[in-house]
Amino acid sequence: RLFVYHAENAHSELICKTFETMEYKLLKYIMNPAMIFSWLFGLALISNLGVDALFQLWLQLKIIFVILMSGVHGYFSKLTREFQEDKRPKSERFFRIINEFPTVLMIIVVFLVIFKPI
């Protein structure tokens, strides 16, 4: 959501610097550790379930969606760098749309773990 506000306020240098600081801290202190822990706990889950679990469709789908989430994370990292370099990579509308991707992916991943539907 910070990207939306940042893009909206591109005309104000002071506000942009504030958003750049917030985006940097969110990425370095929250998003990066969360991604690392997600992968570590995922590997621990596979280790706990055994390698045979890798042949279950629900776990394969979960891994695919976690990889997609990691890709979104990498893309957001790239956008953060572009904002810090005073590039305005995309429109406010674009950021409003991609803001929903991580939430949808997270819901799918949690659903696959809790309900193991397939």
PDB file of N, CA and C in Angstrom:
ATOM      1  N   ARG A   1       0.821  -1.190   0.000  1.00  0.00           N
ATOM      2  CA  ARG A   1       0.000   0.000   0.000  1.00  0.00           C
ATOM      3  C   ARG A   1       0.865   1.253   0.000  1.00  0.00           C
ATOM      4  N   LEU A   2       2.060   1.135   0.552  1.00  0.00           N
ATOM      5  CA  LEU A   2       2.960   2.292   0.563  1.00  0.00           C
ATOM      6  C   LEU A   2       3.276   2.768  -0.844  1.00  0.00           C
ATOM      7  N   PHE A   3       3.394   1.843  -1.780  1.00  0.00           N
ATOM      8  CA  PHE A   3       3.685   2.228  -3.162  1.00  0.00           C
ATOM      9  C   PHE A   3       2.564   3.087  -3.741  1.00  0.00           C
ATOM     10  N   VAL A   4       1.327   2.783  -3.384  1.00  0.00           N
ATOM     11  CA  VAL A   4       0.188   3.572  -3.866  1.00  0.00           C
ATOM     12  C   VAL A   4       0.325   5.007  -3.377  1.00  0.00           C
ATOM     13  N   TYR A   5       0.550   5.171  -2.088  1.00  0.00           N
ATOM     14  CA  TYR A   5       0.673   6.514  -1.518  1.00  0.00           C
ATOM     15  C   TYR A   5       1.896   7.232  -2.065  1.00  0.00           C
ATOM     16  N   HIS A   6       2.963   6.493  -2.258  1.00  0.00           N
ATOM     17  CA  HIS A   6       4.194   7.075  -2.803  1.00  0.00           C
ATOM     18  C   HIS A   6       3.940   7.603  -4.215  1.00  0.00           C
ATOM     19  N   ALA A   7       3.284   6.803  -5.033  1.00  0.00           N
ATOM     20  CA  ALA A   7       2.985   7.219  -6.404  1.00  0.00           C
ATOM     21  C   ALA A   7       2.020   8.407  -6.429  1.00  0.00           C
ATOM     22  N   GLU A   8       1.073   8.435  -5.494  1.00  0.00           N
ATOM     23  CA  GLU A   8       0.117   9.546  -5.414  1.00  0.00           C
ATOM     24  C   GLU A   8       0.802  10.865  -5.090  1.00  0.00           C
ATOM     25  N   ASN A   9       1.849  10.799  -4.290  1.00  0.00           N
ATOM     26  CA  ASN A   9       2.512  11.998  -3.794  1.00  0.00           C
ATOM     27  C   ASN A   9       3.862  12.244  -4.449  1.00  0.00           C
ATOM     28  N   ALA A  10       4.008  11.837  -5.686  1.00  0.00           N
ATOM     29  CA  ALA A  10       5.280  11.969  -6.393  1.00  0.00           C
ATOM     30  C   ALA A  10       5.733  13.424  -6.526  1.00  0.00           C
ATOM     31  N   HIS A  11       4.817  14.356  -6.408  1.00  0.00           N
ATOM     32  CA  HIS A  11       5.132  15.773  -6.569  1.00  0.00           C
ATOM     33  C   HIS A  11       5.825  16.380  -5.346  1.00  0.00           C
ATOM     34  N   SER A  12       5.763  15.718  -4.210  1.00  0.00           N
ATOM     35  CA  SER A  12       6.324  16.255  -2.966  1.00  0.00           C
ATOM     36  C   SER A  12       7.578  15.478  -2.565  1.00  0.00           C
ATOM     37  N   GLU A  13       8.704  16.151  -2.624  1.00  0.00           N
ATOM     38  CA  GLU A  13       9.976  15.493  -2.310  1.00  0.00           C
ATOM     39  C   GLU A  13      10.045  15.027  -0.859  1.00  0.00           C
ATOM     40  N   LEU A  14       9.567  15.841   0.061  1.00  0.00           N
ATOM     41  CA  LEU A  14       9.609  15.481   1.478  1.00  0.00           C
ATOM     42  C   LEU A  14       8.764  14.236   1.752  1.00  0.00           C
ATOM     43  N   ILE A  15       7.572  14.191   1.204  1.00  0.00           N
ATOM     44  CA  ILE A  15       6.700  13.029   1.401  1.00  0.00           C
ATOM     45  C   ILE A  15       7.322  11.794   0.753  1.00  0.00           C
ATOM     46  N   CYS A  16       7.913  11.956  -0.429  1.00  0.00           N
ATOM     47  CA  CYS A  16       8.559  10.824  -1.109  1.00  0.00           C
ATOM     48  C   CYS A  16       9.695  10.259  -0.276  1.00  0.00           C
ATOM     49  N   LYS A  17      10.489  11.125   0.330  1.00  0.00           N
ATOM     50  CA  LYS A  17      11.595  10.648   1.179  1.00  0.00           C
ATOM     51  C   LYS A  17      11.057   9.870   2.377  1.00  0.00           C
ATOM     52  N   THR A  18       9.946  10.330   2.931  1.00  0.00           N
ATOM     53  CA  THR A  18       9.327   9.621   4.056  1.00  0.00           C
ATOM     54  C   THR A  18       8.875   8.230   3.623  1.00  0.00           C
ATOM     55  N   PHE A  19       8.216   8.157   2.471  1.00  0.00           N
ATOM     56  CA  PHE A  19       7.763   6.857   1.975  1.00  0.00           C
ATOM     57  C   PHE A  19       8.939   5.952   1.636  1.00  0.00           C
ATOM     58  N   GLU A  20      10.007   6.501   1.097  1.00  0.00           N
ATOM     59  CA  GLU A  20      11.187   5.687   0.787  1.00  0.00           C
ATOM     60  C   GLU A  20      11.748   5.063   2.055  1.00  0.00           C
ATOM     61  N   THR A  21      11.796   5.832   3.131  1.00  0.00           N
ATOM     62  CA  THR A  21      12.268   5.304   4.414  1.00  0.00           C
ATOM     63  C   THR A  21      11.340   4.200   4.917  1.00  0.00           C
ATOM     64  N   MET A  22      10.049   4.434   4.834  1.00  0.00           N
ATOM     65  CA  MET A  22       9.073   3.439   5.299  1.00  0.00           C
ATOM     66  C   MET A  22       9.157   2.163   4.460  1.00  0.00           C
ATOM     67  N   GLU A  23       9.276   2.310   3.144  1.00  0.00           N
ATOM     68  CA  GLU A  23       9.371   1.149   2.259  1.00  0.00           C
ATOM     69  C   GLU A  23      10.635   0.346   2.545  1.00  0.00           C
ATOM     70  N   TYR A  24      11.740   1.056   2.752  1.00  0.00           N
ATOM     71  CA  TYR A  24      13.009   0.383   3.049  1.00  0.00           C
ATOM     72  C   TYR A  24      12.904  -0.421   4.350  1.00  0.00           C
ATOM     73  N   LYS A  25      12.374   0.204   5.378  1.00  0.00           N
ATOM     74  CA  LYS A  25      12.268  -0.474   6.678  1.00  0.00           C
ATOM     75  C   LYS A  25      11.303  -1.648   6.613  1.00  0.00           C
ATOM     76  N   LEU A  26      10.196  -1.487   5.903  1.00  0.00           N
ATOM     77  CA  LEU A  26       9.250  -2.590   5.744  1.00  0.00           C
ATOM     78  C   LEU A  26       9.918  -3.774   5.051  1.00  0.00           C
ATOM     79  N   LEU A  27      10.666  -3.486   4.004  1.00  0.00           N
ATOM     80  CA  LEU A  27      11.349  -4.546   3.252  1.00  0.00           C
ATOM     81  C   LEU A  27      12.424  -5.235   4.092  1.00  0.00           C
ATOM     82  N   LYS A  28      13.295  -4.452   4.705  1.00  0.00           N
ATOM     83  CA  LYS A  28      14.451  -5.021   5.410  1.00  0.00           C
ATOM     84  C   LYS A  28      14.114  -5.649   6.755  1.00  0.00           C
ATOM     85  N   TYR A  29      13.157  -5.065   7.478  1.00  0.00           N
ATOM     86  CA  TYR A  29      12.909  -5.520   8.840  1.00  0.00           C
ATOM     87  C   TYR A  29      11.674  -6.401   8.993  1.00  0.00           C
ATOM     88  N   ILE A  30      10.797  -6.400   7.993  1.00  0.00           N
ATOM     89  CA  ILE A  30       9.586  -7.215   8.107  1.00  0.00           C
ATOM     90  C   ILE A  30       9.499  -8.229   6.968  1.00  0.00           C
ATOM     91  N   MET A  31       9.541  -7.745   5.718  1.00  0.00           N
ATOM     92  CA  MET A  31       9.327  -8.648   4.576  1.00  0.00           C
ATOM     93  C   MET A  31      10.453  -9.662   4.406  1.00  0.00           C
ATOM     94  N   ASN A  32      11.707  -9.212   4.466  1.00  0.00           N
ATOM     95  CA  ASN A  32      12.815 -10.161   4.283  1.00  0.00           C
ATOM     96  C   ASN A  32      12.845 -11.239   5.359  1.00  0.00           C
ATOM     97  N   PRO A  33      12.766 -10.875   6.655  1.00  0.00           N
ATOM     98  CA  PRO A  33      12.724 -11.930   7.670  1.00  0.00           C
ATOM     99  C   PRO A  33      11.502 -12.844   7.529  1.00  0.00           C
ATOM    100  N   ALA A  34      10.356 -12.285   7.166  1.00  0.00           N
ATOM    101  CA  ALA A  34       9.154 -13.107   6.999  1.00  0.00           C
ATOM    102  C   ALA A  34       9.348 -14.126   5.879  1.00  0.00           C
ATOM    103  N   MET A  35       9.976 -13.700   4.787  1.00  0.00           N
ATOM    104  CA  MET A  35      10.210 -14.629   3.687  1.00  0.00           C
ATOM    105  C   MET A  35      11.191 -15.733   4.107  1.00  0.00           C
ATOM    106  N   ILE A  36      12.235 -15.342   4.796  1.00  0.00           N
ATOM    107  CA  ILE A  36      13.219 -16.329   5.251  1.00  0.00           C
ATOM    108  C   ILE A  36      12.565 -17.346   6.188  1.00  0.00           C
ATOM    109  N   PHE A  37      11.778 -16.866   7.144  1.00  0.00           N
ATOM    110  CA  PHE A  37      11.105 -17.775   8.079  1.00  0.00           C
ATOM    111  C   PHE A  37      10.070 -18.647   7.372  1.00  0.00           C
ATOM    112  N   SER A  38       9.400 -18.098   6.376  1.00  0.00           N
ATOM    113  CA  SER A  38       8.431 -18.901   5.621  1.00  0.00           C
ATOM    114  C   SER A  38       9.122 -20.080   4.958  1.00  0.00           C
ATOM    115  N   TRP A  39      10.263 -19.818   4.352  1.00  0.00           N
ATOM    116  CA  TRP A  39      11.007 -20.905   3.703  1.00  0.00           C
ATOM    117  C   TRP A  39      11.545 -21.899   4.730  1.00  0.00           C
ATOM    118  N   LEU A  40      12.072 -21.388   5.842  1.00  0.00           N
ATOM    119  CA  LEU A  40      12.604 -22.294   6.871  1.00  0.00           C
ATOM    120  C   LEU A  40      11.503 -23.179   7.456  1.00  0.00           C
ATOM    121  N   PHE A  41      10.362 -22.588   7.778  1.00  0.00           N
ATOM    122  CA  PHE A  41       9.262 -23.384   8.333  1.00  0.00           C
ATOM    123  C   PHE A  41       8.683 -24.330   7.291  1.00  0.00           C
ATOM    124  N   GLY A  42       8.678 -23.918   6.037  1.00  0.00           N
ATOM    125  CA  GLY A  42       8.224 -24.800   4.966  1.00  0.00           C
ATOM    126  C   GLY A  42       9.126 -26.009   4.824  1.00  0.00           C
ATOM    127  N   LEU A  43      10.435 -25.770   4.872  1.00  0.00           N
ATOM    128  CA  LEU A  43      11.381 -26.884   4.802  1.00  0.00           C
ATOM    129  C   LEU A  43      11.256 -27.782   6.034  1.00  0.00           C
ATOM    130  N   ALA A  44      11.015 -27.174   7.194  1.00  0.00           N
ATOM    131  CA  ALA A  44      10.801 -27.964   8.413  1.00  0.00           C
ATOM    132  C   ALA A  44       9.534 -28.816   8.295  1.00  0.00           C
ATOM    133  N   LEU A  45       8.489 -28.248   7.682  1.00  0.00           N
ATOM    134  CA  LEU A  45       7.252 -29.001   7.460  1.00  0.00           C
ATOM    135  C   LEU A  45       7.515 -30.215   6.582  1.00  0.00           C
ATOM    136  N   ILE A  46       8.235 -30.001   5.495  1.00  0.00           N
ATOM    137  CA  ILE A  46       8.559 -31.116   4.591  1.00  0.00           C
ATOM    138  C   ILE A  46       9.408 -32.151   5.313  1.00  0.00           C
ATOM    139  N   SER A  47      10.359 -31.685   6.107  1.00  0.00           N
ATOM    140  CA  SER A  47      11.205 -32.602   6.869  1.00  0.00           C
ATOM    141  C   SER A  47      10.371 -33.406   7.872  1.00  0.00           C
ATOM    142  N   ASN A  48       9.430 -32.748   8.505  1.00  0.00           N
ATOM    143  CA  ASN A  48       8.574 -33.401   9.488  1.00  0.00           C
ATOM    144  C   ASN A  48       7.619 -34.404   8.838  1.00  0.00           C
ATOM    145  N   LEU A  49       7.070 -34.022   7.675  1.00  0.00           N
ATOM    146  CA  LEU A  49       6.134 -34.904   6.976  1.00  0.00           C
ATOM    147  C   LEU A  49       6.845 -36.044   6.251  1.00  0.00           C
ATOM    148  N   GLY A  50       8.078 -35.819   5.906  1.00  0.00           N
ATOM    149  CA  GLY A  50       8.831 -36.814   5.144  1.00  0.00           C
ATOM    150  C   GLY A  50       8.824 -36.472   3.665  1.00  0.00           C
ATOM    151  N   VAL A  51       9.799 -36.962   2.966  1.00  0.00           N
ATOM    152  CA  VAL A  51       9.952 -36.673   1.541  1.00  0.00           C
ATOM    153  C   VAL A  51       8.767 -37.202   0.737  1.00  0.00           C
ATOM    154  N   ASP A  52       8.122 -38.240   1.213  1.00  0.00           N
ATOM    155  CA  ASP A  52       6.949 -38.786   0.512  1.00  0.00           C
ATOM    156  C   ASP A  52       5.829 -37.751   0.369  1.00  0.00           C
ATOM    157  N   ALA A  53       5.789 -36.783   1.294  1.00  0.00           N
ATOM    158  CA  ALA A  53       4.756 -35.749   1.237  1.00  0.00           C
ATOM    159  C   ALA A  53       4.884 -34.898  -0.022  1.00  0.00           C
ATOM    160  N   LEU A  54       6.074 -34.853  -0.598  1.00  0.00           N
ATOM    161  CA  LEU A  54       6.275 -34.064  -1.817  1.00  0.00           C
ATOM    162  C   LEU A  54       5.455 -34.584  -2.992  1.00  0.00           C
ATOM    163  N   PHE A  55       4.956 -35.793  -2.881  1.00  0.00           N
ATOM    164  CA  PHE A  55       4.146 -36.366  -3.955  1.00  0.00           C
ATOM    165  C   PHE A  55       2.653 -36.077  -3.762  1.00  0.00           C
ATOM    166  N   GLN A  56       2.313 -35.369  -2.685  1.00  0.00           N
ATOM    167  CA  GLN A  56       0.917 -35.000  -2.448  1.00  0.00           C
ATOM    168  C   GLN A  56       0.641 -33.671  -3.151  1.00  0.00           C
ATOM    169  N   LEU A  57      -0.470 -33.621  -3.838  1.00  0.00           N
ATOM    170  CA  LEU A  57      -0.790 -32.458  -4.658  1.00  0.00           C
ATOM    171  C   LEU A  57      -0.915 -31.176  -3.851  1.00  0.00           C
ATOM    172  N   TRP A  58      -1.497 -31.247  -2.647  1.00  0.00           N
ATOM    173  CA  TRP A  58      -1.670 -30.032  -1.844  1.00  0.00           C
ATOM    174  C   TRP A  58      -0.327 -29.401  -1.518  1.00  0.00           C
ATOM    175  N   LEU A  59       0.682 -30.221  -1.224  1.00  0.00           N
ATOM    176  CA  LEU A  59       1.999 -29.687  -0.887  1.00  0.00           C
ATOM    177  C   LEU A  59       2.705 -29.146  -2.133  1.00  0.00           C
ATOM    178  N   GLN A  60       2.530 -29.810  -3.250  1.00  0.00           N
ATOM    179  CA  GLN A  60       3.108 -29.306  -4.496  1.00  0.00           C
ATOM    180  C   GLN A  60       2.522 -27.936  -4.845  1.00  0.00           C
ATOM    181  N   LEU A  61       1.207 -27.803  -4.696  1.00  0.00           N
ATOM    182  CA  LEU A  61       0.562 -26.512  -4.958  1.00  0.00           C
ATOM    183  C   LEU A  61       1.040 -25.444  -3.983  1.00  0.00           C
ATOM    184  N   LYS A  62       1.176 -25.829  -2.728  1.00  0.00           N
ATOM    185  CA  LYS A  62       1.663 -24.886  -1.715  1.00  0.00           C
ATOM    186  C   LYS A  62       3.053 -24.393  -2.090  1.00  0.00           C
ATOM    187  N   ILE A  63       3.918 -25.276  -2.491  1.00  0.00           N
ATOM    188  CA  ILE A  63       5.278 -24.891  -2.871  1.00  0.00           C
ATOM    189  C   ILE A  63       5.251 -23.950  -4.074  1.00  0.00           C
ATOM    190  N   ILE A  64       4.410 -24.252  -5.044  1.00  0.00           N
ATOM    191  CA  ILE A  64       4.294 -23.379  -6.223  1.00  0.00           C
ATOM    192  C   ILE A  64       3.853 -21.974  -5.806  1.00  0.00           C
ATOM    193  N   PHE A  65       2.856 -21.886  -4.930  1.00  0.00           N
ATOM    194  CA  PHE A  65       2.373 -20.572  -4.515  1.00  0.00           C
ATOM    195  C   PHE A  65       3.382 -19.838  -3.640  1.00  0.00           C
ATOM    196  N   VAL A  66       4.156 -20.554  -2.845  1.00  0.00           N
ATOM    197  CA  VAL A  66       5.218 -19.914  -2.060  1.00  0.00           C
ATOM    198  C   VAL A  66       6.312 -19.391  -3.001  1.00  0.00           C
ATOM    199  N   ILE A  67       6.620 -20.122  -4.046  1.00  0.00           N
ATOM    200  CA  ILE A  67       7.587 -19.638  -5.034  1.00  0.00           C
ATOM    201  C   ILE A  67       7.044 -18.385  -5.727  1.00  0.00           C
ATOM    202  N   LEU A  68       5.757 -18.387  -6.071  1.00  0.00           N
ATOM    203  CA  LEU A  68       5.144 -17.186  -6.650  1.00  0.00           C
ATOM    204  C   LEU A  68       5.217 -16.011  -5.679  1.00  0.00           C
ATOM    205  N   MET A  69       4.957 -16.267  -4.403  1.00  0.00           N
ATOM    206  CA  MET A  69       5.040 -15.213  -3.392  1.00  0.00           C
ATOM    207  C   MET A  69       6.468 -14.684  -3.290  1.00  0.00           C
ATOM    208  N   SER A  70       7.449 -15.564  -3.408  1.00  0.00           N
ATOM    209  CA  SER A  70       8.846 -15.127  -3.381  1.00  0.00           C
ATOM    210  C   SER A  70       9.159 -14.253  -4.595  1.00  0.00           C
ATOM    211  N   GLY A  71       8.569 -14.586  -5.737  1.00  0.00           N
ATOM    212  CA  GLY A  71       8.732 -13.760  -6.928  1.00  0.00           C
ATOM    213  C   GLY A  71       8.121 -12.378  -6.746  1.00  0.00           C
ATOM    214  N   VAL A  72       6.945 -12.325  -6.136  1.00  0.00           N
ATOM    215  CA  VAL A  72       6.307 -11.040  -5.846  1.00  0.00           C
ATOM    216  C   VAL A  72       7.191 -10.241  -4.887  1.00  0.00           C
ATOM    217  N   HIS A  73       7.757 -10.916  -3.908  1.00  0.00           N
ATOM    218  CA  HIS A  73       8.669 -10.271  -2.958  1.00  0.00           C
ATOM    219  C   HIS A  73       9.858  -9.658  -3.702  1.00  0.00           C
ATOM    220  N   GLY A  74      10.437 -10.426  -4.595  1.00  0.00           N
ATOM    221  CA  GLY A  74      11.569  -9.915  -5.382  1.00  0.00           C
ATOM    222  C   GLY A  74      11.175  -8.717  -6.230  1.00  0.00           C
ATOM    223  N   TYR A  75       9.991  -8.766  -6.813  1.00  0.00           N
ATOM    224  CA  TYR A  75       9.513  -7.653  -7.633  1.00  0.00           C
ATOM    225  C   TYR A  75       9.292  -6.410  -6.778  1.00  0.00           C
ATOM    226  N   PHE A  76       8.722  -6.582  -5.583  1.00  0.00           N
ATOM    227  CA  PHE A  76       8.536  -5.441  -4.682  1.00  0.00           C
ATOM    228  C   PHE A  76       9.885  -4.864  -4.249  1.00  0.00           C
ATOM    229  N   SER A  77      10.876  -5.723  -4.067  1.00  0.00           N
ATOM    230  CA  SER A  77      12.220  -5.249  -3.734  1.00  0.00           C
ATOM    231  C   SER A  77      12.769  -4.381  -4.863  1.00  0.00           C
ATOM    232  N   LYS A  78      12.552  -4.824  -6.090  1.00  0.00           N
ATOM    233  CA  LYS A  78      12.993  -4.062  -7.262  1.00  0.00           C
ATOM    234  C   LYS A  78      12.290  -2.706  -7.313  1.00  0.00           C
ATOM    235  N   LEU A  79      10.989  -2.690  -7.064  1.00  0.00           N
ATOM    236  CA  LEU A  79      10.237  -1.434  -7.072  1.00  0.00           C
ATOM    237  C   LEU A  79      10.726  -0.490  -5.982  1.00  0.00           C
ATOM    238  N   THR A  80      11.069  -1.036  -4.827  1.00  0.00           N
ATOM    239  CA  THR A  80      11.601  -0.211  -3.741  1.00  0.00           C
ATOM    240  C   THR A  80      12.883   0.471  -4.183  1.00  0.00           C
ATOM    241  N   ARG A  81      13.771  -0.277  -4.830  1.00  0.00           N
ATOM    242  CA  ARG A  81      15.023   0.319  -5.337  1.00  0.00           C
ATOM    243  C   ARG A  81      14.735   1.403  -6.377  1.00  0.00           C
ATOM    244  N   GLU A  82      13.770   1.148  -7.250  1.00  0.00           N
ATOM    245  CA  GLU A  82      13.449   2.134  -8.277  1.00  0.00           C
ATOM    246  C   GLU A  82      12.894   3.421  -7.660  1.00  0.00           C
ATOM    247  N   PHE A  83      12.064   3.295  -6.644  1.00  0.00           N
ATOM    248  CA  PHE A  83      11.560   4.498  -5.970  1.00  0.00           C
ATOM    249  C   PHE A  83      12.708   5.255  -5.304  1.00  0.00           C
ATOM    250  N   GLN A  84      13.654   4.526  -4.700  1.00  0.00           N
ATOM    251  CA  GLN A  84      14.780   5.186  -4.049  1.00  0.00           C
ATOM    252  C   GLN A  84      15.683   5.902  -5.051  1.00  0.00           C
ATOM    253  N   GLU A  85      15.680   5.441  -6.288  1.00  0.00           N
ATOM    254  CA  GLU A  85      16.463   6.086  -7.350  1.00  0.00           C
ATOM    255  C   GLU A  85      15.658   7.178  -8.052  1.00  0.00           C
ATOM    256  N   ASP A  86      14.541   7.581  -7.454  1.00  0.00           N
ATOM    257  CA  ASP A  86      13.641   8.606  -7.991  1.00  0.00           C
ATOM    258  C   ASP A  86      13.064   8.252  -9.346  1.00  0.00           C
ATOM    259  N   LYS A  87      12.921   6.990  -9.597  1.00  0.00           N
ATOM    260  CA  LYS A  87      12.206   6.544 -10.783  1.00  0.00           C
ATOM    261  C   LYS A  87      10.764   6.306 -10.362  1.00  0.00           C
ATOM    262  N   ARG A  88       9.852   6.628 -11.193  1.00  0.00           N
ATOM    263  CA  ARG A  88       8.449   6.354 -10.925  1.00  0.00           C
ATOM    264  C   ARG A  88       8.047   5.214 -11.843  1.00  0.00           C
ATOM    265  N   PRO A  89       8.244   3.967 -11.360  1.00  0.00           N
ATOM    266  CA  PRO A  89       8.132   2.803 -12.243  1.00  0.00           C
ATOM    267  C   PRO A  89       6.751   2.565 -12.848  1.00  0.00           C
ATOM    268  N   LYS A  90       5.714   2.805 -12.099  1.00  0.00           N
ATOM    269  CA  LYS A  90       4.361   2.484 -12.571  1.00  0.00           C
ATOM    270  C   LYS A  90       3.372   3.504 -12.035  1.00  0.00           C
ATOM    271  N   SER A  91       2.131   3.374 -12.479  1.00  0.00           N
ATOM    272  CA  SER A  91       1.082   4.297 -12.054  1.00  0.00           C
ATOM    273  C   SER A  91       0.504   3.884 -10.705  1.00  0.00           C
ATOM    274  N   GLU A  92      -0.211   4.822 -10.122  1.00  0.00           N
ATOM    275  CA  GLU A  92      -0.908   4.555  -8.859  1.00  0.00           C
ATOM    276  C   GLU A  92      -1.902   3.410  -9.018  1.00  0.00           C
ATOM    277  N   ARG A  93      -2.591   3.369 -10.134  1.00  0.00           N
ATOM    278  CA  ARG A  93      -3.573   2.303 -10.397  1.00  0.00           C
ATOM    279  C   ARG A  93      -2.896   0.921 -10.428  1.00  0.00           C
ATOM    280  N   PHE A  94      -1.735   0.844 -11.063  1.00  0.00           N
ATOM    281  CA  PHE A  94      -0.969  -0.402 -11.108  1.00  0.00           C
ATOM    282  C   PHE A  94      -0.666  -0.884  -9.693  1.00  0.00           C
ATOM    283  N   PHE A  95      -0.211   0.028  -8.835  1.00  0.00           N
ATOM    284  CA  PHE A  95       0.123  -0.351  -7.463  1.00  0.00           C
ATOM    285  C   PHE A  95      -1.109  -0.769  -6.667  1.00  0.00           C
ATOM    286  N   ARG A  96      -2.248  -0.179  -6.946  1.00  0.00           N
ATOM    287  CA  ARG A  96      -3.482  -0.592  -6.271  1.00  0.00           C
ATOM    288  C   ARG A  96      -3.826  -2.044  -6.628  1.00  0.00           C
ATOM    289  N   ILE A  97      -3.570  -2.420  -7.860  1.00  0.00           N
ATOM    290  CA  ILE A  97      -3.881  -3.783  -8.310  1.00  0.00           C
ATOM    291  C   ILE A  97      -2.903  -4.792  -7.719  1.00  0.00           C
ATOM    292  N   ILE A  98      -1.592  -4.524  -7.839  1.00  0.00           N
ATOM    293  CA  ILE A  98      -0.618  -5.515  -7.346  1.00  0.00           C
ATOM    294  C   ILE A  98      -0.592  -5.586  -5.826  1.00  0.00           C
ATOM    295  N   ASN A  99      -1.163  -4.589  -5.168  1.00  0.00           N
ATOM    296  CA  ASN A  99      -1.256  -4.610  -3.712  1.00  0.00           C
ATOM    297  C   ASN A  99      -2.035  -5.827  -3.217  1.00  0.00           C
ATOM    298  N   GLU A 100      -2.926  -6.346  -4.042  1.00  0.00           N
ATOM    299  CA  GLU A 100      -3.786  -7.457  -3.631  1.00  0.00           C
ATOM    300  C   GLU A 100      -3.127  -8.824  -3.854  1.00  0.00           C
ATOM    301  N   PHE A 101      -2.123  -8.907  -4.694  1.00  0.00           N
ATOM    302  CA  PHE A 101      -1.494 -10.199  -5.022  1.00  0.00           C
ATOM    303  C   PHE A 101      -0.977 -10.951  -3.797  1.00  0.00           C
ATOM    304  N   PRO A 102      -0.173 -10.314  -2.933  1.00  0.00           N
ATOM    305  CA  PRO A 102       0.338 -11.073  -1.775  1.00  0.00           C
ATOM    306  C   PRO A 102      -0.766 -11.602  -0.873  1.00  0.00           C
ATOM    307  N   THR A 103      -1.832 -10.834  -0.705  1.00  0.00           N
ATOM    308  CA  THR A 103      -2.934 -11.273   0.142  1.00  0.00           C
ATOM    309  C   THR A 103      -3.609 -12.506  -0.439  1.00  0.00           C
ATOM    310  N   VAL A 104      -3.872 -12.479  -1.731  1.00  0.00           N
ATOM    311  CA  VAL A 104      -4.522 -13.623  -2.384  1.00  0.00           C
ATOM    312  C   VAL A 104      -3.619 -14.860  -2.299  1.00  0.00           C
ATOM    313  N   LEU A 105      -2.331 -14.684  -2.576  1.00  0.00           N
ATOM    314  CA  LEU A 105      -1.400 -15.817  -2.504  1.00  0.00           C
ATOM    315  C   LEU A 105      -1.324 -16.377  -1.088  1.00  0.00           C
ATOM    316  N   MET A 106      -1.288 -15.494  -0.087  1.00  0.00           N
ATOM    317  CA  MET A 106      -1.217 -15.947   1.298  1.00  0.00           C
ATOM    318  C   MET A 106      -2.466 -16.739   1.683  1.00  0.00           C
ATOM    319  N   ILE A 107      -3.630 -16.265   1.270  1.00  0.00           N
ATOM    320  CA  ILE A 107      -4.881 -16.972   1.574  1.00  0.00           C
ATOM    321  C   ILE A 107      -4.858 -18.369   0.950  1.00  0.00           C
ATOM    322  N   ILE A 108      -4.393 -18.468  -0.282  1.00  0.00           N
ATOM    323  CA  ILE A 108      -4.321 -19.772  -0.953  1.00  0.00           C
ATOM    324  C   ILE A 108      -3.367 -20.703  -0.219  1.00  0.00           C
ATOM    325  N   VAL A 109      -2.188 -20.194   0.168  1.00  0.00           N
ATOM    326  CA  VAL A 109      -1.197 -21.023   0.862  1.00  0.00           C
ATOM    327  C   VAL A 109      -1.755 -21.518   2.194  1.00  0.00           C
ATOM    328  N   VAL A 110      -2.367 -20.630   2.965  1.00  0.00           N
ATOM    329  CA  VAL A 110      -2.922 -21.031   4.264  1.00  0.00           C
ATOM    330  C   VAL A 110      -4.056 -22.035   4.061  1.00  0.00           C
ATOM    331  N   PHE A 111      -4.904 -21.796   3.078  1.00  0.00           N
ATOM    332  CA  PHE A 111      -6.000 -22.725   2.786  1.00  0.00           C
ATOM    333  C   PHE A 111      -5.448 -24.116   2.471  1.00  0.00           C
ATOM    334  N   LEU A 112      -4.404 -24.188   1.667  1.00  0.00           N
ATOM    335  CA  LEU A 112      -3.822 -25.480   1.294  1.00  0.00           C
ATOM    336  C   LEU A 112      -3.234 -26.210   2.492  1.00  0.00           C
ATOM    337  N   VAL A 113      -2.692 -25.471   3.444  1.00  0.00           N
ATOM    338  CA  VAL A 113      -2.110 -26.109   4.623  1.00  0.00           C
ATOM    339  C   VAL A 113      -3.184 -26.575   5.592  1.00  0.00           C
ATOM    340  N   ILE A 114      -4.165 -25.744   5.832  1.00  0.00           N
ATOM    341  CA  ILE A 114      -5.173 -26.076   6.844  1.00  0.00           C
ATOM    342  C   ILE A 114      -6.149 -27.143   6.352  1.00  0.00           C
ATOM    343  N   PHE A 115      -6.622 -27.006   5.135  1.00  0.00           N
ATOM    344  CA  PHE A 115      -7.665 -27.894   4.659  1.00  0.00           C
ATOM    345  C   PHE A 115      -7.156 -29.054   3.804  1.00  0.00           C
ATOM    346  N   LYS A 116      -5.954 -28.955   3.299  1.00  0.00           N
ATOM    347  CA  LYS A 116      -5.388 -30.009   2.438  1.00  0.00           C
ATOM    348  C   LYS A 116      -6.472 -30.558   1.503  1.00  0.00           C
ATOM    349  N   PRO A 117      -7.043 -29.700   0.649  1.00  0.00           N
ATOM    350  CA  PRO A 117      -8.235 -30.086  -0.112  1.00  0.00           C
ATOM    351  C   PRO A 117      -8.014 -31.132  -1.188  1.00  0.00           C
ATOM    352  N   ILE A 118      -6.805 -31.322  -1.605  1.00  0.00           N
ATOM    353  CA  ILE A 118      -6.589 -32.230  -2.731  1.00  0.00           C
ATOM    354  C   ILE A 118      -5.672 -33.361  -2.304  1.00  0.00           C
TER     355      ILE A 118
END
